[in-house]
Amino acid sequence: MGRYVFTLPDIGEGIAEAEIVAWHVKVGDTVEEDGRLADMMTDKATVEMESPVSGVVVEVAGAEGDVIAIGSALVVIEVEGLAEEGGHAPSPKAAVVEERIEAETPAAAGASTGSAQADVVVEPAPAPKP
């Protein structure tokens, strides 16, 4: 088992910190990948943080109302399969990522794979009439 440190991502341009509005987990809880962790509020928006991995919550950054800096640890999750502390979770397989892209942006799915190409024929413009 290893520990995955989930750091507070940059959730808005120019934002340096965010306030913990609500926790959806506590130490000892099991969290699934994409499960709700916390709601974070900046001066621009309130954003729901989701877990990038499945595991058991072993540390949380603070209490509701606390302000933490972007890039600092928000949650530490004990994860099976991680070899060392502070490691990163395994990356999702390319097929899984592609499926998520297609599901979230169906119009762009064909364009991103490059599988559908249109033939373009360029014809010269007609010569000007005298």
C-alpha atoms as a PDB file:
ATOM      1  CA  MET A   1       0.000   0.000   0.000  1.00  0.00           C
ATOM      2  CA  GLY A   2       1.079   3.538  -0.665  1.00  0.00           C
ATOM      3  CA  ARG A   3      -0.215   7.001  -0.102  1.00  0.00           C
ATOM      4  CA  TYR A   4      -1.550   9.325  -2.763  1.00  0.00           C
ATOM      5  CA  VAL A   5      -1.333  13.015  -1.878  1.00  0.00           C
ATOM      6  CA  PHE A   6      -4.098  14.944  -3.625  1.00  0.00           C
ATOM      7  CA  THR A   7      -3.048  18.565  -3.861  1.00  0.00           C
ATOM      8  CA  LEU A   8      -5.468  21.411  -4.379  1.00  0.00           C
ATOM      9  CA  PRO A   9      -5.342  22.125  -8.123  1.00  0.00           C
ATOM     10  CA  ASP A  10      -5.339  25.575  -9.684  1.00  0.00           C
ATOM     11  CA  ILE A  11      -9.105  26.052  -9.840  1.00  0.00           C
ATOM     12  CA  GLY A  12      -9.160  29.543 -11.275  1.00  0.00           C
ATOM     13  CA  GLU A  13      -6.871  31.905 -13.075  1.00  0.00           C
ATOM     14  CA  GLY A  14      -4.958  34.013 -10.593  1.00  0.00           C
ATOM     15  CA  ILE A  15      -6.353  32.204  -7.539  1.00  0.00           C
ATOM     16  CA  ALA A  16      -3.787  31.583  -4.780  1.00  0.00           C
ATOM     17  CA  GLU A  17      -5.981  29.971  -2.121  1.00  0.00           C
ATOM     18  CA  ALA A  18      -9.399  28.461  -1.465  1.00  0.00           C
ATOM     19  CA  GLU A  19     -11.646  27.991   1.550  1.00  0.00           C
ATOM     20  CA  ILE A  20     -12.924  24.568   2.600  1.00  0.00           C
ATOM     21  CA  VAL A  21     -16.704  24.988   2.469  1.00  0.00           C
ATOM     22  CA  ALA A  22     -17.742  21.377   3.130  1.00  0.00           C
ATOM     23  CA  TRP A  23     -16.125  17.977   3.553  1.00  0.00           C
ATOM     24  CA  HIS A  24     -17.799  14.964   1.974  1.00  0.00           C
ATOM     25  CA  VAL A  25     -15.272  12.537   3.547  1.00  0.00           C
ATOM     26  CA  LYS A  26     -13.501  12.112   6.865  1.00  0.00           C
ATOM     27  CA  VAL A  27     -10.433  10.187   8.005  1.00  0.00           C
ATOM     28  CA  GLY A  28     -11.149   6.459   7.732  1.00  0.00           C
ATOM     29  CA  ASP A  29     -13.724   6.768   4.955  1.00  0.00           C
ATOM     30  CA  THR A  30     -13.344   4.740   1.782  1.00  0.00           C
ATOM     31  CA  VAL A  31     -13.553   6.877  -1.343  1.00  0.00           C
ATOM     32  CA  GLU A  32     -14.031   5.718  -4.927  1.00  0.00           C
ATOM     33  CA  GLU A  33     -12.360   7.265  -7.954  1.00  0.00           C
ATOM     34  CA  ASP A  34     -14.335  10.389  -8.963  1.00  0.00           C
ATOM     35  CA  GLY A  35     -16.038  10.360  -5.545  1.00  0.00           C
ATOM     36  CA  ARG A  36     -16.740  13.682  -3.849  1.00  0.00           C
ATOM     37  CA  LEU A  37     -14.058  14.889  -1.448  1.00  0.00           C
ATOM     38  CA  ALA A  38     -14.804  18.513  -0.598  1.00  0.00           C
ATOM     39  CA  ASP A  39     -16.329  21.755  -1.805  1.00  0.00           C
ATOM     40  CA  MET A  40     -13.790  24.561  -2.170  1.00  0.00           C
ATOM     41  CA  MET A  41     -14.677  28.244  -2.498  1.00  0.00           C
ATOM     42  CA  THR A  42     -12.598  30.980  -4.091  1.00  0.00           C
ATOM     43  CA  ASP A  43     -13.537  34.597  -4.633  1.00  0.00           C
ATOM     44  CA  LYS A  44     -14.851  33.542  -8.066  1.00  0.00           C
ATOM     45  CA  ALA A  45     -16.651  30.205  -7.586  1.00  0.00           C
ATOM     46  CA  THR A  46     -17.358  27.174  -5.428  1.00  0.00           C
ATOM     47  CA  VAL A  47     -15.883  24.002  -6.907  1.00  0.00           C
ATOM     48  CA  GLU A  48     -16.423  20.350  -5.971  1.00  0.00           C
ATOM     49  CA  MET A  49     -13.175  18.382  -5.650  1.00  0.00           C
ATOM     50  CA  GLU A  50     -13.312  14.742  -6.764  1.00  0.00           C
ATOM     51  CA  SER A  51     -10.911  11.953  -5.915  1.00  0.00           C
ATOM     52  CA  PRO A  52      -8.531  10.887  -8.685  1.00  0.00           C
ATOM     53  CA  VAL A  53      -8.058   7.480  -7.007  1.00  0.00           C
ATOM     54  CA  SER A  54      -9.903   4.883  -4.919  1.00  0.00           C
ATOM     55  CA  GLY A  55      -8.724   4.189  -1.389  1.00  0.00           C
ATOM     56  CA  VAL A  56      -9.016   5.087   2.287  1.00  0.00           C
ATOM     57  CA  VAL A  57      -8.753   8.695   3.489  1.00  0.00           C
ATOM     58  CA  VAL A  58      -5.897   8.950   6.015  1.00  0.00           C
ATOM     59  CA  GLU A  59      -5.495  12.751   6.275  1.00  0.00           C
ATOM     60  CA  VAL A  60      -7.508  15.868   5.463  1.00  0.00           C
ATOM     61  CA  ALA A  61      -6.173  19.426   5.162  1.00  0.00           C
ATOM     62  CA  GLY A  62      -8.266  21.122   7.818  1.00  0.00           C
ATOM     63  CA  ALA A  63     -11.723  21.992   9.009  1.00  0.00           C
ATOM     64  CA  GLU A  64     -14.567  23.706   7.216  1.00  0.00           C
ATOM     65  CA  GLY A  65     -13.766  27.416   7.032  1.00  0.00           C
ATOM     66  CA  ASP A  66      -9.995  26.885   6.815  1.00  0.00           C
ATOM     67  CA  VAL A  67      -8.180  28.468   3.878  1.00  0.00           C
ATOM     68  CA  ILE A  68      -5.478  26.475   2.093  1.00  0.00           C
ATOM     69  CA  ALA A  69      -3.046  27.420  -0.651  1.00  0.00           C
ATOM     70  CA  ILE A  70      -3.272  26.145  -4.209  1.00  0.00           C
ATOM     71  CA  GLY A  71      -0.807  23.260  -4.570  1.00  0.00           C
ATOM     72  CA  SER A  72      -0.908  22.234  -0.916  1.00  0.00           C
ATOM     73  CA  ALA A  73      -2.152  18.821   0.232  1.00  0.00           C
ATOM     74  CA  LEU A  74      -5.936  18.639   0.445  1.00  0.00           C
ATOM     75  CA  VAL A  75      -6.357  14.909   1.153  1.00  0.00           C
ATOM     76  CA  VAL A  76      -4.017  11.939   1.600  1.00  0.00           C
ATOM     77  CA  ILE A  77      -5.477   8.631   0.433  1.00  0.00           C
ATOM     78  CA  GLU A  78      -4.044   5.190   1.140  1.00  0.00           C
ATOM     79  CA  VAL A  79      -4.113   3.309  -2.155  1.00  0.00           C
ATOM     80  CA  GLU A  80      -3.428  -0.338  -2.967  1.00  0.00           C
ATOM     81  CA  GLY A  81      -0.767  -0.824  -5.603  1.00  0.00           C
ATOM     82  CA  LEU A  82       1.275   2.305  -4.926  1.00  0.00           C
ATOM     83  CA  ALA A  83       4.840   1.344  -4.151  1.00  0.00           C
ATOM     84  CA  GLU A  84       5.969   4.394  -2.238  1.00  0.00           C
ATOM     85  CA  GLU A  85       4.633   7.267  -0.205  1.00  0.00           C
ATOM     86  CA  GLY A  86       3.745  10.356  -2.197  1.00  0.00           C
ATOM     87  CA  GLY A  87       3.409   8.304  -5.350  1.00  0.00           C
ATOM     88  CA  HIS A  88       0.988   8.879  -8.126  1.00  0.00           C
ATOM     89  CA  ALA A  89      -1.913   6.684  -8.994  1.00  0.00           C
ATOM     90  CA  PRO A  90      -1.680   4.632 -12.147  1.00  0.00           C
ATOM     91  CA  SER A  91      -2.739   6.598 -15.223  1.00  0.00           C
ATOM     92  CA  PRO A  92      -5.965   5.541 -16.886  1.00  0.00           C
ATOM     93  CA  LYS A  93      -5.540   3.519 -20.054  1.00  0.00           C
ATOM     94  CA  ALA A  94      -5.797   5.446 -23.346  1.00  0.00           C
ATOM     95  CA  ALA A  95      -9.000   3.622 -24.332  1.00  0.00           C
ATOM     96  CA  VAL A  96     -10.703   4.717 -21.105  1.00  0.00           C
ATOM     97  CA  VAL A  97      -9.657   8.325 -21.673  1.00  0.00           C
ATOM     98  CA  GLU A  98     -10.870   8.192 -25.269  1.00  0.00           C
ATOM     99  CA  GLU A  99     -14.250   6.794 -24.139  1.00  0.00           C
ATOM    100  CA  ARG A 100     -14.623   9.621 -21.611  1.00  0.00           C
ATOM    101  CA  ILE A 101     -13.764  12.228 -24.254  1.00  0.00           C
ATOM    102  CA  GLU A 102     -16.352  10.747 -26.629  1.00  0.00           C
ATOM    103  CA  ALA A 103     -18.987  10.671 -23.899  1.00  0.00           C
ATOM    104  CA  GLU A 104     -18.314  14.236 -22.789  1.00  0.00           C
ATOM    105  CA  THR A 105     -17.786  15.811 -26.233  1.00  0.00           C
ATOM    106  CA  PRO A 106     -19.436  13.637 -28.895  1.00  0.00           C
ATOM    107  CA  ALA A 107     -19.067  16.255 -31.652  1.00  0.00           C
ATOM    108  CA  ALA A 108     -15.311  16.461 -31.172  1.00  0.00           C
ATOM    109  CA  ALA A 109     -14.679  12.737 -30.804  1.00  0.00           C
ATOM    110  CA  GLY A 110     -14.126  12.030 -34.505  1.00  0.00           C
ATOM    111  CA  ALA A 111     -12.025  15.154 -34.979  1.00  0.00           C
ATOM    112  CA  SER A 112      -9.655  14.299 -32.123  1.00  0.00           C
ATOM    113  CA  THR A 113      -8.798  10.841 -33.428  1.00  0.00           C
ATOM    114  CA  GLY A 114      -7.984  11.965 -36.937  1.00  0.00           C
ATOM    115  CA  SER A 115      -9.836   8.952 -38.359  1.00  0.00           C
ATOM    116  CA  ALA A 116     -12.277  10.977 -40.440  1.00  0.00           C
ATOM    117  CA  GLN A 117     -10.542  13.100 -43.045  1.00  0.00           C
ATOM    118  CA  ALA A 118     -12.254  15.048 -45.796  1.00  0.00           C
ATOM    119  CA  ASP A 119     -10.827  15.252 -49.304  1.00  0.00           C
ATOM    120  CA  VAL A 120     -10.304  18.870 -50.267  1.00  0.00           C
ATOM    121  CA  VAL A 121     -10.168  19.804 -53.931  1.00  0.00           C
ATOM    122  CA  VAL A 122      -8.832  23.233 -54.803  1.00  0.00           C
ATOM    123  CA  GLU A 123      -9.822  24.556 -58.187  1.00  0.00           C
ATOM    124  CA  PRO A 124      -8.239  27.640 -59.697  1.00  0.00           C
ATOM    125  CA  ALA A 125     -10.370  30.739 -59.805  1.00  0.00           C
ATOM    126  CA  PRO A 126     -11.765  31.592 -63.243  1.00  0.00           C
ATOM    127  CA  ALA A 127      -9.738  34.115 -65.215  1.00  0.00           C
ATOM    128  CA  PRO A 128     -11.172  37.632 -65.193  1.00  0.00           C
ATOM    129  CA  LYS A 129     -13.228  38.490 -68.271  1.00  0.00           C
ATOM    130  CA  PRO A 130     -11.893  41.326 -70.422  1.00  0.00           C
END
